[in-house]
Amino acid sequence: MSFVVIGADWCHGCKAVRKKLTSVNMDYDYVQIPPGKQGWDFVEKVTGRRAVPAVLYKFKDLKEFYSSIEGLGLPERELTEDEIDDIDD
């Protein structure tokens, strides 16, 4: 598993995320957004938001994603009706 960080060199949050990933020896790819509207349009297209940093995980397939989530040992819970409605929108 590795990460993709989408950001800008002027963004302090982007720098902080990259420093943290580097300090714990996590592999990541850095995608610098183009300046101006083109950059924000790109971020929104990829993430659905106009905000950086955007940190994404790279998995080979959905099975690897589920395996990594299950490996965290977090308890599952039932979703509320509001959560289900938000997901279905």
C-alpha atoms as a PDB file:
ATOM      1  CA  MET A   1       0.000   0.000   0.000  1.00  0.00           C
ATOM      2  CA  SER A   2       1.191   3.482  -0.724  1.00  0.00           C
ATOM      3  CA  PHE A   3      -0.261   6.948  -0.670  1.00  0.00           C
ATOM      4  CA  VAL A   4      -0.860   9.698  -3.189  1.00  0.00           C
ATOM      5  CA  VAL A   5      -0.667  13.249  -1.864  1.00  0.00           C
ATOM      6  CA  ILE A   6      -2.308  15.856  -4.074  1.00  0.00           C
ATOM      7  CA  GLY A   7      -1.180  19.321  -3.099  1.00  0.00           C
ATOM      8  CA  ALA A   8       0.671  22.519  -3.787  1.00  0.00           C
ATOM      9  CA  ASP A   9       4.151  23.588  -2.778  1.00  0.00           C
ATOM     10  CA  TRP A  10       2.781  26.744  -1.098  1.00  0.00           C
ATOM     11  CA  CYS A  11       0.383  24.718   1.115  1.00  0.00           C
ATOM     12  CA  HIS A  12       1.594  24.288   4.708  1.00  0.00           C
ATOM     13  CA  GLY A  13      -0.778  21.351   5.295  1.00  0.00           C
ATOM     14  CA  CYS A  14       0.591  19.596   2.210  1.00  0.00           C
ATOM     15  CA  LYS A  15       4.133  20.053   3.480  1.00  0.00           C
ATOM     16  CA  ALA A  16       3.164  18.718   6.913  1.00  0.00           C
ATOM     17  CA  VAL A  17       1.571  15.577   5.441  1.00  0.00           C
ATOM     18  CA  ARG A  18       4.594  14.917   3.231  1.00  0.00           C
ATOM     19  CA  LYS A  19       6.988  15.411   6.158  1.00  0.00           C
ATOM     20  CA  LYS A  20       4.972  13.020   8.328  1.00  0.00           C
ATOM     21  CA  LEU A  21       4.818  10.300   5.664  1.00  0.00           C
ATOM     22  CA  THR A  22       8.538  10.683   5.013  1.00  0.00           C
ATOM     23  CA  SER A  23       9.387  10.578   8.724  1.00  0.00           C
ATOM     24  CA  VAL A  24       7.617   7.224   9.148  1.00  0.00           C
ATOM     25  CA  ASN A  25       9.126   5.815   5.928  1.00  0.00           C
ATOM     26  CA  MET A  26       5.783   5.548   4.113  1.00  0.00           C
ATOM     27  CA  ASP A  27       5.918   5.430   0.332  1.00  0.00           C
ATOM     28  CA  TYR A  28       3.913   8.127  -1.407  1.00  0.00           C
ATOM     29  CA  ASP A  29       3.603   9.862  -4.735  1.00  0.00           C
ATOM     30  CA  TYR A  30       3.229  13.628  -4.790  1.00  0.00           C
ATOM     31  CA  VAL A  31       0.993  15.223  -7.401  1.00  0.00           C
ATOM     32  CA  GLN A  32       1.432  18.975  -7.559  1.00  0.00           C
ATOM     33  CA  ILE A  33      -1.696  20.718  -8.797  1.00  0.00           C
ATOM     34  CA  PRO A  34      -1.378  23.228 -11.625  1.00  0.00           C
ATOM     35  CA  PRO A  35      -1.786  26.880 -10.620  1.00  0.00           C
ATOM     36  CA  GLY A  36      -5.152  28.622 -10.687  1.00  0.00           C
ATOM     37  CA  LYS A  37      -8.543  27.339 -11.749  1.00  0.00           C
ATOM     38  CA  GLN A  38      -7.070  24.378 -13.624  1.00  0.00           C
ATOM     39  CA  GLY A  39      -5.547  23.060 -10.390  1.00  0.00           C
ATOM     40  CA  TRP A  40      -8.699  23.465  -8.334  1.00  0.00           C
ATOM     41  CA  ASP A  41     -10.774  21.851 -11.087  1.00  0.00           C
ATOM     42  CA  PHE A  42      -8.374  18.887 -11.055  1.00  0.00           C
ATOM     43  CA  VAL A  43      -8.619  18.478  -7.266  1.00  0.00           C
ATOM     44  CA  GLU A  44     -12.398  18.684  -7.386  1.00  0.00           C
ATOM     45  CA  LYS A  45     -12.590  16.119 -10.193  1.00  0.00           C
ATOM     46  CA  VAL A  46     -10.414  13.640  -8.271  1.00  0.00           C
ATOM     47  CA  THR A  47     -11.726  14.195  -4.742  1.00  0.00           C
ATOM     48  CA  GLY A  48     -15.087  15.952  -5.030  1.00  0.00           C
ATOM     49  CA  ARG A  49     -13.701  18.901  -3.023  1.00  0.00           C
ATOM     50  CA  ARG A  50     -11.668  21.998  -3.713  1.00  0.00           C
ATOM     51  CA  ALA A  51      -9.179  21.511  -0.892  1.00  0.00           C
ATOM     52  CA  VAL A  52      -5.596  20.368  -0.444  1.00  0.00           C
ATOM     53  CA  PRO A  53      -3.921  18.353   0.821  1.00  0.00           C
ATOM     54  CA  ALA A  54      -5.835  15.386  -0.508  1.00  0.00           C
ATOM     55  CA  VAL A  55      -4.354  12.098   0.658  1.00  0.00           C
ATOM     56  CA  LEU A  56      -5.386   8.985  -1.250  1.00  0.00           C
ATOM     57  CA  TYR A  57      -4.472   5.335  -0.816  1.00  0.00           C
ATOM     58  CA  LYS A  58      -3.358   3.194  -3.724  1.00  0.00           C
ATOM     59  CA  PHE A  59      -4.553  -0.399  -3.648  1.00  0.00           C
ATOM     60  CA  LYS A  60      -4.211  -3.021  -6.362  1.00  0.00           C
ATOM     61  CA  ASP A  61      -7.889  -3.893  -6.077  1.00  0.00           C
ATOM     62  CA  LEU A  62     -10.939  -3.725  -3.830  1.00  0.00           C
ATOM     63  CA  LYS A  63      -9.957  -6.979  -2.111  1.00  0.00           C
ATOM     64  CA  GLU A  64      -6.673  -5.388  -0.959  1.00  0.00           C
ATOM     65  CA  PHE A  65      -8.618  -2.368   0.320  1.00  0.00           C
ATOM     66  CA  TYR A  66     -11.002  -4.513   2.379  1.00  0.00           C
ATOM     67  CA  SER A  67      -8.144  -6.613   3.683  1.00  0.00           C
ATOM     68  CA  SER A  68      -6.268  -3.546   4.895  1.00  0.00           C
ATOM     69  CA  ILE A  69      -9.392  -2.169   6.605  1.00  0.00           C
ATOM     70  CA  GLU A  70     -10.117  -5.496   8.293  1.00  0.00           C
ATOM     71  CA  GLY A  71      -6.471  -5.647   9.416  1.00  0.00           C
ATOM     72  CA  LEU A  72      -7.035  -2.566  11.569  1.00  0.00           C
ATOM     73  CA  GLY A  73      -9.244  -4.598  13.906  1.00  0.00           C
ATOM     74  CA  LEU A  74     -11.905  -1.910  14.180  1.00  0.00           C
ATOM     75  CA  PRO A  75     -15.345  -3.039  15.350  1.00  0.00           C
ATOM     76  CA  GLU A  76     -18.106  -2.826  12.757  1.00  0.00           C
ATOM     77  CA  ARG A  77     -21.355  -1.079  13.525  1.00  0.00           C
ATOM     78  CA  GLU A  78     -24.693  -0.655  11.852  1.00  0.00           C
ATOM     79  CA  LEU A  79     -25.054   2.497   9.776  1.00  0.00           C
ATOM     80  CA  THR A  80     -27.710   4.993  10.786  1.00  0.00           C
ATOM     81  CA  GLU A  81     -30.495   5.831   8.339  1.00  0.00           C
ATOM     82  CA  ASP A  82     -28.957   9.295   7.857  1.00  0.00           C
ATOM     83  CA  GLU A  83     -25.569   7.747   6.987  1.00  0.00           C
ATOM     84  CA  ILE A  84     -27.174   5.380   4.494  1.00  0.00           C
ATOM     85  CA  ASP A  85     -29.081   8.304   2.926  1.00  0.00           C
ATOM     86  CA  ASP A  86     -25.823  10.331   2.635  1.00  0.00           C
ATOM     87  CA  ILE A  87     -24.084   7.433   0.903  1.00  0.00           C
ATOM     88  CA  ASP A  88     -26.991   6.824  -1.483  1.00  0.00           C
ATOM     89  CA  ASP A  89     -27.173  10.486  -2.570  1.00  0.00           C
END
